Protein backbone atom coordinates (compact mmCIF):
# COMPACT_ATOMS: atom_id res chain seq x y z
CA UNK A 1 64.39 57.19 28.05
CA UNK A 2 63.16 54.83 30.73
CA UNK A 3 62.59 52.14 28.08
CA UNK A 4 66.03 52.49 26.75
CA UNK A 5 67.67 52.25 30.16
CA UNK A 6 65.59 49.16 30.96
CA UNK A 7 66.48 47.70 27.57
CA UNK A 8 70.25 47.96 28.22
CA UNK A 9 69.87 46.80 31.84
CA UNK A 10 71.41 49.97 33.36
CA UNK A 11 71.69 48.45 36.79
CA UNK A 12 73.73 45.53 35.57
CA UNK A 13 75.92 47.96 33.50
CA UNK A 14 76.43 50.05 36.66
CA UNK A 15 77.60 46.99 38.39
CA UNK A 16 80.08 46.13 35.74
CA UNK A 17 81.48 49.63 35.89
CA UNK A 18 81.65 49.59 39.66
CA UNK A 19 83.60 46.28 39.69
CA UNK A 20 86.10 47.60 37.22
CA UNK A 21 86.49 50.76 39.21
CA UNK A 22 87.08 48.76 42.42
CA UNK A 23 89.80 46.66 40.74
CA UNK A 24 91.68 49.84 39.76
CA UNK A 25 91.02 52.17 42.75
CA UNK A 26 90.53 49.72 45.66
CA UNK A 27 92.90 46.96 44.67
CA UNK A 28 95.68 48.18 42.34
CA UNK A 29 96.41 51.87 43.01
CA UNK A 30 96.28 51.64 46.90
CA UNK A 31 99.01 48.99 46.84
CA UNK A 32 101.23 50.80 44.33
CA UNK A 33 100.83 48.37 41.50
CA UNK A 34 102.49 49.53 38.25
CA UNK A 35 99.48 50.45 36.08
CA UNK A 36 99.28 51.47 32.42
CA UNK A 37 96.08 53.59 32.02
CA UNK A 38 95.49 57.10 33.32
CA UNK A 39 92.07 58.18 34.39
CA UNK A 40 91.06 59.10 30.84
CA UNK A 41 92.22 55.81 29.36
CA UNK A 42 90.58 53.78 32.13
CA UNK A 43 87.26 55.63 31.60
CA UNK A 44 87.39 54.61 27.94
CA UNK A 45 87.98 51.01 28.90
CA UNK A 46 84.94 51.09 31.26
CA UNK A 47 82.85 52.78 28.61
CA UNK A 48 83.90 50.23 25.93
CA UNK A 49 83.02 47.37 28.14
CA UNK A 50 79.62 48.79 29.11
CA UNK A 51 78.71 49.52 25.51
CA UNK A 52 79.49 46.03 24.38
CA UNK A 53 77.51 44.58 27.36
CA UNK A 54 74.62 46.84 26.51
CA UNK A 55 74.57 45.56 22.92
CA UNK A 56 74.51 42.06 24.29
CA UNK A 57 71.43 42.70 26.38
CA UNK A 58 69.72 44.29 23.36
CA UNK A 59 70.44 41.49 20.90
CA UNK A 60 69.34 39.05 23.55
CA UNK A 61 66.01 40.84 24.08
CA UNK A 62 65.46 40.98 20.26
CA UNK A 63 65.67 37.18 19.99
CA UNK A 64 63.89 36.55 23.21
CA UNK A 65 60.63 38.31 22.27
CA UNK A 66 58.68 35.00 22.12
CA UNK A 67 59.89 33.74 25.46
CA UNK A 68 59.62 37.16 27.15
CA UNK A 69 56.01 37.45 26.04
CA UNK A 70 55.35 34.31 28.24
CA UNK A 71 57.90 34.63 31.00
CA UNK A 72 57.72 38.38 31.72
CA UNK A 73 55.05 40.12 29.59
CA UNK A 74 54.95 43.14 31.79
CA UNK A 75 58.69 43.72 31.46
CA UNK A 76 58.89 43.16 27.71
CA UNK A 77 60.20 46.25 25.89
CA UNK A 78 60.84 45.35 22.28
CA UNK A 79 57.62 45.15 20.36
CA UNK A 80 55.94 47.43 22.90
CA UNK A 81 57.95 50.57 23.98
CA UNK A 82 60.68 50.13 21.33
CA UNK A 83 60.35 48.68 17.86
CA UNK A 84 62.52 45.88 16.71
CA UNK A 85 64.09 48.08 14.08
CA UNK A 86 64.97 50.73 16.59
CA UNK A 87 66.45 48.06 18.93
CA UNK A 88 68.68 46.82 16.10
CA UNK A 89 69.84 50.37 15.56
CA UNK A 90 70.80 50.64 19.28
CA UNK A 91 72.47 47.25 19.11
CA UNK A 92 74.64 48.32 16.13
CA UNK A 93 75.42 51.76 17.68
CA UNK A 94 76.57 50.37 20.96
CA UNK A 95 78.62 47.65 19.31
CA UNK A 96 80.46 50.09 16.95
CA UNK A 97 81.27 52.51 19.95
CA UNK A 98 82.46 49.66 22.07
CA UNK A 99 84.61 48.05 19.42
CA UNK A 100 86.16 51.35 18.14
CA UNK A 101 86.93 52.38 21.77
CA UNK A 102 88.54 48.88 22.18
CA UNK A 103 90.70 49.47 19.10
CA UNK A 104 91.83 52.89 20.39
CA UNK A 105 92.62 51.66 24.00
CA UNK A 106 94.55 48.68 22.72
CA UNK A 107 96.75 50.81 20.68
CA UNK A 108 97.09 53.37 23.50
CA UNK A 109 98.71 50.66 25.71
CA UNK A 110 100.81 49.39 22.83
CA UNK A 111 98.96 46.02 22.69
CA UNK A 112 97.22 46.06 19.38
CA UNK A 113 96.28 42.50 19.72
CA UNK A 114 94.10 43.17 22.70
CA UNK A 115 91.57 44.58 20.17
CA UNK A 116 90.62 41.06 19.39
CA UNK A 117 89.05 40.64 22.89
CA UNK A 118 86.37 43.33 22.04
CA UNK A 119 85.72 41.74 18.71
CA UNK A 120 85.45 38.27 20.30
CA UNK A 121 83.22 39.55 23.09
CA UNK A 122 80.98 41.25 20.61
CA UNK A 123 80.78 38.18 18.42
CA UNK A 124 80.11 35.80 21.19
CA UNK A 125 77.33 37.87 22.61
CA UNK A 126 75.59 37.87 19.23
CA UNK A 127 76.17 34.08 18.66
CA UNK A 128 74.94 33.43 22.26
CA UNK A 129 71.64 35.29 21.60
CA UNK A 130 71.06 33.69 18.20
CA UNK A 131 72.32 30.19 18.70
CA UNK A 132 74.42 29.18 21.76
CA UNK A 133 71.81 29.89 24.43
CA UNK A 134 69.68 27.12 22.88
CA UNK A 135 72.45 24.58 23.69
CA UNK A 136 72.29 23.34 27.17
CA UNK A 137 75.29 24.41 29.44
CA UNK A 138 77.30 25.75 26.54
CA UNK A 139 75.41 29.12 26.42
CA UNK A 140 75.53 29.36 30.16
CA UNK A 141 79.42 28.82 30.13
CA UNK A 142 79.92 31.34 27.41
CA UNK A 143 77.91 34.16 29.13
CA UNK A 144 79.52 33.39 32.52
CA UNK A 145 82.97 33.52 30.89
CA UNK A 146 82.05 36.89 29.39
CA UNK A 147 81.09 38.15 32.84
CA UNK A 148 84.50 36.95 34.25
CA UNK A 149 86.29 38.56 31.32
CA UNK A 150 84.91 41.94 32.28
CA UNK A 151 87.08 41.72 35.36
CA UNK A 152 90.16 40.06 33.66
CA UNK A 153 90.30 42.69 31.06
CA UNK A 154 91.24 45.35 33.60
CA UNK A 155 94.26 43.29 34.62
CA UNK A 156 95.23 42.70 30.96
CA UNK A 157 95.19 46.45 30.17
CA UNK A 158 96.48 47.75 33.46
CA UNK A 159 99.13 45.22 34.61
CA UNK A 160 100.45 43.22 31.59
CA UNK A 161 101.77 46.22 29.51
CA UNK A 162 103.69 47.45 32.55
CA UNK A 163 105.42 44.13 33.41
CA UNK A 164 109.14 44.22 33.54
CA UNK A 165 111.76 41.74 34.75
CA UNK A 166 111.93 43.68 38.16
CA UNK A 167 108.17 43.80 38.85
CA UNK A 168 106.98 40.65 37.09
CA UNK A 169 106.30 38.69 40.27
CA UNK A 170 104.37 41.41 42.00
CA UNK A 171 102.34 42.26 38.81
CA UNK A 172 101.45 38.68 38.45
CA UNK A 173 100.36 38.46 42.05
CA UNK A 174 97.90 41.28 41.58
CA UNK A 175 96.70 39.64 38.36
CA UNK A 176 96.06 36.39 40.33
CA UNK A 177 93.92 38.26 42.77
CA UNK A 178 91.86 39.58 39.81
CA UNK A 179 91.63 36.04 38.54
CA UNK A 180 90.28 34.81 41.86
CA UNK A 181 87.54 37.42 41.77
CA UNK A 182 86.88 36.56 38.11
CA UNK A 183 86.46 32.90 39.05
CA UNK A 184 84.01 33.87 41.80
CA UNK A 185 82.02 35.97 39.29
CA UNK A 186 82.07 33.04 36.81
CA UNK A 187 80.68 30.51 39.42
CA UNK A 188 78.02 32.79 40.87
CA UNK A 189 76.82 33.89 37.35
CA UNK A 190 76.87 30.31 36.12
CA UNK A 191 74.57 29.24 39.03
CA UNK A 192 72.40 32.23 38.48
CA UNK A 193 71.98 31.51 34.73
CA UNK A 194 70.83 28.03 35.59
CA UNK A 195 68.40 29.46 38.15
CA UNK A 196 67.05 31.85 35.53
CA UNK A 197 66.55 28.89 33.21
CA UNK A 198 64.57 27.20 35.92
CA UNK A 199 62.54 30.43 36.38
CA UNK A 200 61.82 30.75 32.59
CA UNK A 201 61.24 27.10 31.91
CA UNK A 202 57.60 27.61 30.68
CA UNK A 203 58.46 30.23 28.02
CA UNK A 204 61.64 28.45 26.93
CA UNK A 205 59.69 25.18 26.45
CA UNK A 206 56.94 26.89 24.31
CA UNK A 207 59.68 28.65 22.27
CA UNK A 208 61.51 25.31 21.72
CA UNK A 209 64.68 26.44 23.54
CA UNK A 210 66.39 23.37 25.09
CA UNK A 211 67.81 24.58 28.33
CA UNK A 212 69.09 22.25 30.99
CA UNK A 213 65.85 22.24 32.98
CA UNK A 214 63.92 21.26 29.83
CA UNK A 215 66.45 18.51 28.87
CA UNK A 216 66.91 17.06 32.33
CA UNK A 217 63.73 18.24 34.09
CA UNK A 218 63.27 20.76 36.92
CA UNK A 219 64.04 18.41 39.79
CA UNK A 220 67.26 17.09 38.47
CA UNK A 221 68.40 20.58 37.45
CA UNK A 222 67.53 21.83 40.92
CA UNK A 223 69.62 19.02 42.36
CA UNK A 224 72.54 20.00 40.16
CA UNK A 225 72.31 23.67 41.06
CA UNK A 226 72.14 22.77 44.75
CA UNK A 227 75.47 20.97 44.71
CA UNK A 228 77.14 23.50 42.41
CA UNK A 229 76.37 26.15 44.99
CA UNK A 230 78.70 24.33 47.43
CA UNK A 231 81.72 25.13 45.19
CA UNK A 232 81.80 28.93 45.68
CA UNK A 233 80.73 28.38 49.30
CA UNK A 234 83.70 26.16 50.17
CA UNK A 235 86.05 28.08 48.00
CA UNK A 236 85.31 31.31 49.93
CA UNK A 237 85.46 29.60 53.24
CA UNK A 238 88.95 28.19 52.32
CA UNK A 239 90.06 31.58 51.12
CA UNK A 240 88.94 33.46 54.19
CA UNK A 241 90.35 30.82 56.63
CA UNK A 242 93.62 30.68 54.76
CA UNK A 243 94.31 34.36 54.12
CA UNK A 244 92.18 36.48 56.47
CA UNK A 245 91.74 34.57 59.63
CA UNK A 246 93.81 37.17 61.71
CA UNK A 247 91.41 40.01 60.91
CA UNK A 248 88.10 39.51 62.70
CA UNK A 249 86.43 42.43 60.95
CA UNK A 250 87.10 41.01 57.40
CA UNK A 251 86.18 37.57 58.55
CA UNK A 252 82.90 38.98 59.90
CA UNK A 253 82.30 40.73 56.65
CA UNK A 254 82.58 37.52 54.61
CA UNK A 255 80.67 35.52 57.10
CA UNK A 256 77.72 37.90 57.22
CA UNK A 257 77.53 39.20 53.76
CA UNK A 258 78.85 36.40 51.50
CA UNK A 259 78.97 33.01 53.23
CA UNK A 260 75.64 33.34 55.23
CA UNK A 261 73.67 34.46 52.04
CA UNK A 262 75.24 31.46 50.06
CA UNK A 263 74.05 29.16 52.80
CA UNK A 264 70.64 30.86 52.50
CA UNK A 265 70.66 30.37 48.80
CA UNK A 266 71.37 26.68 49.32
CA UNK A 267 68.30 26.47 51.60
CA UNK A 268 66.01 28.34 49.08
CA UNK A 269 67.33 26.18 46.15
CA UNK A 270 66.49 23.03 48.03
CA UNK A 271 62.95 24.27 48.82
CA UNK A 272 62.28 26.05 45.46
CA UNK A 273 59.28 24.96 43.37
CA UNK A 274 57.58 28.01 41.97
CA UNK A 275 58.70 30.67 39.54
CA UNK A 276 58.76 33.40 42.29
CA UNK A 277 61.17 31.09 44.37
CA UNK A 278 63.66 31.05 41.63
CA UNK A 279 63.34 34.79 41.08
CA UNK A 280 64.05 35.40 44.66
CA UNK A 281 67.22 33.09 44.50
CA UNK A 282 68.37 34.93 41.37
CA UNK A 283 68.08 38.31 43.17
CA UNK A 284 69.92 36.91 46.17
CA UNK A 285 72.72 35.64 44.04
CA UNK A 286 73.13 39.09 42.43
CA UNK A 287 73.43 40.61 45.94
CA UNK A 288 76.02 37.96 46.92
CA UNK A 289 78.02 38.85 43.74
CA UNK A 290 77.89 42.58 44.75
CA UNK A 291 79.09 42.15 48.19
CA UNK A 292 81.74 39.68 47.08
CA UNK A 293 83.06 42.29 44.73
CA UNK A 294 82.85 45.11 47.26
CA UNK A 295 85.18 43.09 49.48
CA UNK A 296 88.07 44.51 47.35
CA UNK A 297 87.82 47.59 49.40
CA UNK A 298 88.92 45.57 52.52
CA UNK A 299 92.28 44.50 51.05
CA UNK A 300 94.05 47.54 52.47
CA UNK A 301 93.22 46.29 56.01
CA UNK A 302 94.54 42.79 55.27
């Protein structure tokens, strides 16, 4: 059981579920947004998202066996704790469950076309693992887009089917807030994926995978990542000073738990040279992502 949980990255799946729950129960419902899904339907949406994400982690590990044997031999699961055949069975199982649930929920809200999102996500995760991740930047953009989509999909299913001429402006306002958080998730994940490429450069080089650090070199990629990190930093500072400057508690929250850690990440990126340095930065960015998403709880005080 422990091997299966590690294979599907249960901590990451828990974070995906948490963020989706925050959007519904900390952002939309407290402000009286007109939503579409009841508790049961929303649970199915979360489960569908988590299942497809789990299948993505599995197929990625299946095709990363060579690089994982070099980059993280102690953490490698496929080929050790779980056979490749068993992993493929899990991949197919999670995919089928996620896509079928997506089909059911899409029809539940009267938007059968939304089903394409689940098929698209499933397909992109497979193509990413088998081909796209070997193309510098393209694979990173795709996987970061899919992370952002896990937030956007809540707005699509909860808000759009309930839009009328009377509530259109307010519904779109809530959707814009979700898009802002999705953009934050995209930027942080994009930077984190580049950091992980820097961390795994040795294994990727031996496996013939052309990531950005291999194409441009570690120093140039480090330089790019350093300046990219200024984008979410300045965006958050602008957002806080524009919308939340009157509430000192909320300003303090962002300063202490989002802005300060981003500045710390900048310092660590500037100084990073070793594999352990990049691993620490990757972990820090995950913490920044978590606290950024938890800020949805504060909206009721704005």
